[in-house]
Amino acid sequence: MEEVLRDMEEVTLEFDEETLEAIDDKAFRDHCDNREAAIRTLLDEWLKGRDD
């Protein structure tokens, strides 16, 4: 997996407190408390919901 990520651009995001709580809720409920997995899932859902 590291080799795949090596060529990708790095992005920094800032979340407000409400968003962090939603991420942590999803991480606890669906991803065994893994915040990174929850962020990936939520980002995937957001991208699929765009009208582009």
PDB file of N, CA and C in Angstrom:
ATOM      1  N   MET A   1       0.818  -1.189   0.000  1.00  0.00           N
ATOM      2  CA  MET A   1       0.000   0.000   0.000  1.00  0.00           C
ATOM      3  C   MET A   1       0.866   1.259   0.000  1.00  0.00           C
ATOM      4  N   GLU A   2       1.979   1.228   0.695  1.00  0.00           N
ATOM      5  CA  GLU A   2       2.861   2.394   0.751  1.00  0.00           C
ATOM      6  C   GLU A   2       3.342   2.800  -0.639  1.00  0.00           C
ATOM      7  N   GLU A   3       3.616   1.831  -1.515  1.00  0.00           N
ATOM      8  CA  GLU A   3       4.076   2.139  -2.859  1.00  0.00           C
ATOM      9  C   GLU A   3       3.009   2.880  -3.650  1.00  0.00           C
ATOM     10  N   VAL A   4       1.761   2.529  -3.453  1.00  0.00           N
ATOM     11  CA  VAL A   4       0.664   3.194  -4.144  1.00  0.00           C
ATOM     12  C   VAL A   4       0.561   4.641  -3.688  1.00  0.00           C
ATOM     13  N   LEU A   5       0.715   4.885  -2.411  1.00  0.00           N
ATOM     14  CA  LEU A   5       0.567   6.225  -1.857  1.00  0.00           C
ATOM     15  C   LEU A   5       1.756   7.126  -2.144  1.00  0.00           C
ATOM     16  N   ARG A   6       2.875   6.558  -2.459  1.00  0.00           N
ATOM     17  CA  ARG A   6       4.096   7.336  -2.668  1.00  0.00           C
ATOM     18  C   ARG A   6       3.943   8.370  -3.775  1.00  0.00           C
ATOM     19  N   ASP A   7       3.215   8.063  -4.839  1.00  0.00           N
ATOM     20  CA  ASP A   7       3.078   8.969  -5.978  1.00  0.00           C
ATOM     21  C   ASP A   7       1.880   9.907  -5.862  1.00  0.00           C
ATOM     22  N   MET A   8       1.128   9.792  -4.782  1.00  0.00           N
ATOM     23  CA  MET A   8      -0.061  10.619  -4.622  1.00  0.00           C
ATOM     24  C   MET A   8       0.286  11.955  -3.977  1.00  0.00           C
ATOM     25  N   GLU A   9      -0.498  12.962  -4.323  1.00  0.00           N
ATOM     26  CA  GLU A   9      -0.334  14.281  -3.731  1.00  0.00           C
ATOM     27  C   GLU A   9      -0.840  14.276  -2.296  1.00  0.00           C
ATOM     28  N   GLU A  10      -0.173  15.006  -1.428  1.00  0.00           N
ATOM     29  CA  GLU A  10      -0.587  15.085  -0.035  1.00  0.00           C
ATOM     30  C   GLU A  10      -1.580  16.229   0.141  1.00  0.00           C
ATOM     31  N   VAL A  11      -2.615  15.985   0.926  1.00  0.00           N
ATOM     32  CA  VAL A  11      -3.649  16.977   1.183  1.00  0.00           C
ATOM     33  C   VAL A  11      -3.831  17.103   2.687  1.00  0.00           C
ATOM     34  N   THR A  12      -4.003  18.320   3.169  1.00  0.00           N
ATOM     35  CA  THR A  12      -4.259  18.561   4.576  1.00  0.00           C
ATOM     36  C   THR A  12      -5.660  19.122   4.733  1.00  0.00           C
ATOM     37  N   LEU A  13      -6.434  18.536   5.634  1.00  0.00           N
ATOM     38  CA  LEU A  13      -7.795  18.980   5.891  1.00  0.00           C
ATOM     39  C   LEU A  13      -7.922  19.430   7.334  1.00  0.00           C
ATOM     40  N   GLU A  14      -8.755  20.437   7.551  1.00  0.00           N
ATOM     41  CA  GLU A  14      -9.071  20.862   8.904  1.00  0.00           C
ATOM     42  C   GLU A  14     -10.557  20.622   9.123  1.00  0.00           C
ATOM     43  N   PHE A  15     -10.897  19.940  10.220  1.00  0.00           N
ATOM     44  CA  PHE A  15     -12.283  19.632  10.545  1.00  0.00           C
ATOM     45  C   PHE A  15     -12.731  20.440  11.751  1.00  0.00           C
ATOM     46  N   ASP A  16     -13.987  20.873  11.721  1.00  0.00           N
ATOM     47  CA  ASP A  16     -14.529  21.535  12.904  1.00  0.00           C
ATOM     48  C   ASP A  16     -14.916  20.466  13.928  1.00  0.00           C
ATOM     49  N   GLU A  17     -15.252  20.905  15.130  1.00  0.00           N
ATOM     50  CA  GLU A  17     -15.537  19.979  16.234  1.00  0.00           C
ATOM     51  C   GLU A  17     -16.706  19.045  15.911  1.00  0.00           C
ATOM     52  N   GLU A  18     -17.736  19.570  15.271  1.00  0.00           N
ATOM     53  CA  GLU A  18     -18.907  18.756  14.928  1.00  0.00           C
ATOM     54  C   GLU A  18     -18.541  17.640  13.946  1.00  0.00           C
ATOM     55  N   THR A  19     -17.716  17.978  12.970  1.00  0.00           N
ATOM     56  CA  THR A  19     -17.286  16.982  11.988  1.00  0.00           C
ATOM     57  C   THR A  19     -16.406  15.927  12.638  1.00  0.00           C
ATOM     58  N   LEU A  20     -15.515  16.345  13.524  1.00  0.00           N
ATOM     59  CA  LEU A  20     -14.663  15.383  14.237  1.00  0.00           C
ATOM     60  C   LEU A  20     -15.488  14.421  15.078  1.00  0.00           C
ATOM     61  N   GLU A  21     -16.530  14.916  15.701  1.00  0.00           N
ATOM     62  CA  GLU A  21     -17.411  14.039  16.483  1.00  0.00           C
ATOM     63  C   GLU A  21     -18.100  13.021  15.578  1.00  0.00           C
ATOM     64  N   ALA A  22     -18.551  13.464  14.400  1.00  0.00           N
ATOM     65  CA  ALA A  22     -19.197  12.540  13.456  1.00  0.00           C
ATOM     66  C   ALA A  22     -18.203  11.488  12.972  1.00  0.00           C
ATOM     67  N   ILE A  23     -16.976  11.908  12.703  1.00  0.00           N
ATOM     68  CA  ILE A  23     -15.931  10.966  12.277  1.00  0.00           C
ATOM     69  C   ILE A  23     -15.658   9.954  13.384  1.00  0.00           C
ATOM     70  N   ASP A  24     -15.517  10.436  14.610  1.00  0.00           N
ATOM     71  CA  ASP A  24     -15.242   9.530  15.719  1.00  0.00           C
ATOM     72  C   ASP A  24     -16.403   8.575  15.977  1.00  0.00           C
ATOM     73  N   ASP A  25     -17.639   9.057  15.832  1.00  0.00           N
ATOM     74  CA  ASP A  25     -18.807   8.176  15.984  1.00  0.00           C
ATOM     75  C   ASP A  25     -18.777   7.072  14.942  1.00  0.00           C
ATOM     76  N   LYS A  26     -18.509   7.441  13.685  1.00  0.00           N
ATOM     77  CA  LYS A  26     -18.458   6.446  12.607  1.00  0.00           C
ATOM     78  C   LYS A  26     -17.281   5.495  12.833  1.00  0.00           C
ATOM     79  N   ALA A  27     -16.152   6.030  13.258  1.00  0.00           N
ATOM     80  CA  ALA A  27     -14.976   5.183  13.512  1.00  0.00           C
ATOM     81  C   ALA A  27     -15.285   4.151  14.587  1.00  0.00           C
ATOM     82  N   PHE A  28     -15.920   4.582  15.663  1.00  0.00           N
ATOM     83  CA  PHE A  28     -16.241   3.661  16.752  1.00  0.00           C
ATOM     84  C   PHE A  28     -17.277   2.633  16.305  1.00  0.00           C
ATOM     85  N   ARG A  29     -18.315   3.102  15.608  1.00  0.00           N
ATOM     86  CA  ARG A  29     -19.442   2.244  15.239  1.00  0.00           C
ATOM     87  C   ARG A  29     -19.088   1.267  14.113  1.00  0.00           C
ATOM     88  N   ASP A  30     -18.371   1.746  13.082  1.00  0.00           N
ATOM     89  CA  ASP A  30     -18.196   0.937  11.874  1.00  0.00           C
ATOM     90  C   ASP A  30     -16.768   0.463  11.603  1.00  0.00           C
ATOM     91  N   HIS A  31     -15.788   1.005  12.318  1.00  0.00           N
ATOM     92  CA  HIS A  31     -14.398   0.727  11.945  1.00  0.00           C
ATOM     93  C   HIS A  31     -13.501   0.396  13.137  1.00  0.00           C
ATOM     94  N   CYS A  32     -14.040  -0.218  14.159  1.00  0.00           N
ATOM     95  CA  CYS A  32     -13.250  -0.633  15.327  1.00  0.00           C
ATOM     96  C   CYS A  32     -12.377   0.508  15.852  1.00  0.00           C
ATOM     97  N   ASP A  33     -12.944   1.708  15.907  1.00  0.00           N
ATOM     98  CA  ASP A  33     -12.282   2.910  16.435  1.00  0.00           C
ATOM     99  C   ASP A  33     -11.133   3.387  15.555  1.00  0.00           C
ATOM    100  N   ASN A  34     -11.145   3.064  14.271  1.00  0.00           N
ATOM    101  CA  ASN A  34     -10.105   3.483  13.338  1.00  0.00           C
ATOM    102  C   ASN A  34     -10.563   4.759  12.628  1.00  0.00           C
ATOM    103  N   ARG A  35     -10.046   5.902  13.075  1.00  0.00           N
ATOM    104  CA  ARG A  35     -10.458   7.199  12.522  1.00  0.00           C
ATOM    105  C   ARG A  35     -10.092   7.321  11.044  1.00  0.00           C
ATOM    106  N   GLU A  36      -8.924   6.842  10.639  1.00  0.00           N
ATOM    107  CA  GLU A  36      -8.510   6.941   9.234  1.00  0.00           C
ATOM    108  C   GLU A  36      -9.481   6.196   8.319  1.00  0.00           C
ATOM    109  N   ALA A  37      -9.903   5.020   8.728  1.00  0.00           N
ATOM    110  CA  ALA A  37     -10.863   4.256   7.921  1.00  0.00           C
ATOM    111  C   ALA A  37     -12.193   4.994   7.834  1.00  0.00           C
ATOM    112  N   ALA A  38     -12.617   5.601   8.916  1.00  0.00           N
ATOM    113  CA  ALA A  38     -13.874   6.363   8.904  1.00  0.00           C
ATOM    114  C   ALA A  38     -13.771   7.551   7.963  1.00  0.00           C
ATOM    115  N   ILE A  39     -12.640   8.248   7.972  1.00  0.00           N
ATOM    116  CA  ILE A  39     -12.451   9.383   7.071  1.00  0.00           C
ATOM    117  C   ILE A  39     -12.489   8.919   5.622  1.00  0.00           C
ATOM    118  N   ARG A  40     -11.823   7.816   5.318  1.00  0.00           N
ATOM    119  CA  ARG A  40     -11.846   7.293   3.944  1.00  0.00           C
ATOM    120  C   ARG A  40     -13.269   6.969   3.507  1.00  0.00           C
ATOM    121  N   THR A  41     -14.044   6.341   4.392  1.00  0.00           N
ATOM    122  CA  THR A  41     -15.422   5.983   4.067  1.00  0.00           C
ATOM    123  C   THR A  41     -16.269   7.224   3.840  1.00  0.00           C
ATOM    124  N   LEU A  42     -16.153   8.197   4.732  1.00  0.00           N
ATOM    125  CA  LEU A  42     -16.941   9.416   4.587  1.00  0.00           C
ATOM    126  C   LEU A  42     -16.541  10.201   3.339  1.00  0.00           C
ATOM    127  N   LEU A  43     -15.256  10.250   3.032  1.00  0.00           N
ATOM    128  CA  LEU A  43     -14.803  10.919   1.815  1.00  0.00           C
ATOM    129  C   LEU A  43     -15.334  10.205   0.580  1.00  0.00           C
ATOM    130  N   ASP A  44     -15.300   8.890   0.585  1.00  0.00           N
ATOM    131  CA  ASP A  44     -15.831   8.113  -0.523  1.00  0.00           C
ATOM    132  C   ASP A  44     -17.323   8.386  -0.717  1.00  0.00           C
ATOM    133  N   GLU A  45     -18.076   8.421   0.377  1.00  0.00           N
ATOM    134  CA  GLU A  45     -19.509   8.711   0.291  1.00  0.00           C
ATOM    135  C   GLU A  45     -19.746  10.114  -0.264  1.00  0.00           C
ATOM    136  N   TRP A  46     -18.948  11.073   0.184  1.00  0.00           N
ATOM    137  CA  TRP A  46     -19.091  12.447  -0.285  1.00  0.00           C
ATOM    138  C   TRP A  46     -18.788  12.547  -1.781  1.00  0.00           C
ATOM    139  N   LEU A  47     -17.690  11.901  -2.211  1.00  0.00           N
ATOM    140  CA  LEU A  47     -17.320  11.953  -3.630  1.00  0.00           C
ATOM    141  C   LEU A  47     -18.399  11.303  -4.509  1.00  0.00           C
ATOM    142  N   LYS A  48     -18.945  10.206  -4.071  1.00  0.00           N
ATOM    143  CA  LYS A  48     -19.998   9.530  -4.838  1.00  0.00           C
ATOM    144  C   LYS A  48     -21.281  10.346  -4.882  1.00  0.00           C
ATOM    145  N   GLY A  49     -21.506  11.227  -3.899  1.00  0.00           N
ATOM    146  CA  GLY A  49     -22.707  12.031  -3.850  1.00  0.00           C
ATOM    147  C   GLY A  49     -22.632  13.324  -4.651  1.00  0.00           C
ATOM    148  N   ARG A  50     -21.466  13.644  -5.164  1.00  0.00           N
ATOM    149  CA  ARG A  50     -21.306  14.864  -5.955  1.00  0.00           C
ATOM    150  C   ARG A  50     -21.967  14.700  -7.308  1.00  0.00           C
ATOM    151  N   ASP A  51     -22.419  15.796  -7.873  1.00  0.00           N
ATOM    152  CA  ASP A  51     -23.124  15.765  -9.151  1.00  0.00           C
ATOM    153  C   ASP A  51     -22.213  15.911 -10.361  1.00  0.00           C
ATOM    154  N   ASP A  52     -20.906  15.890 -10.181  1.00  0.00           N
ATOM    155  CA  ASP A  52     -19.975  16.098 -11.303  1.00  0.00           C
ATOM    156  C   ASP A  52     -20.103  15.032 -12.323  1.00  0.00           C
TER     157      ASP A  52
END
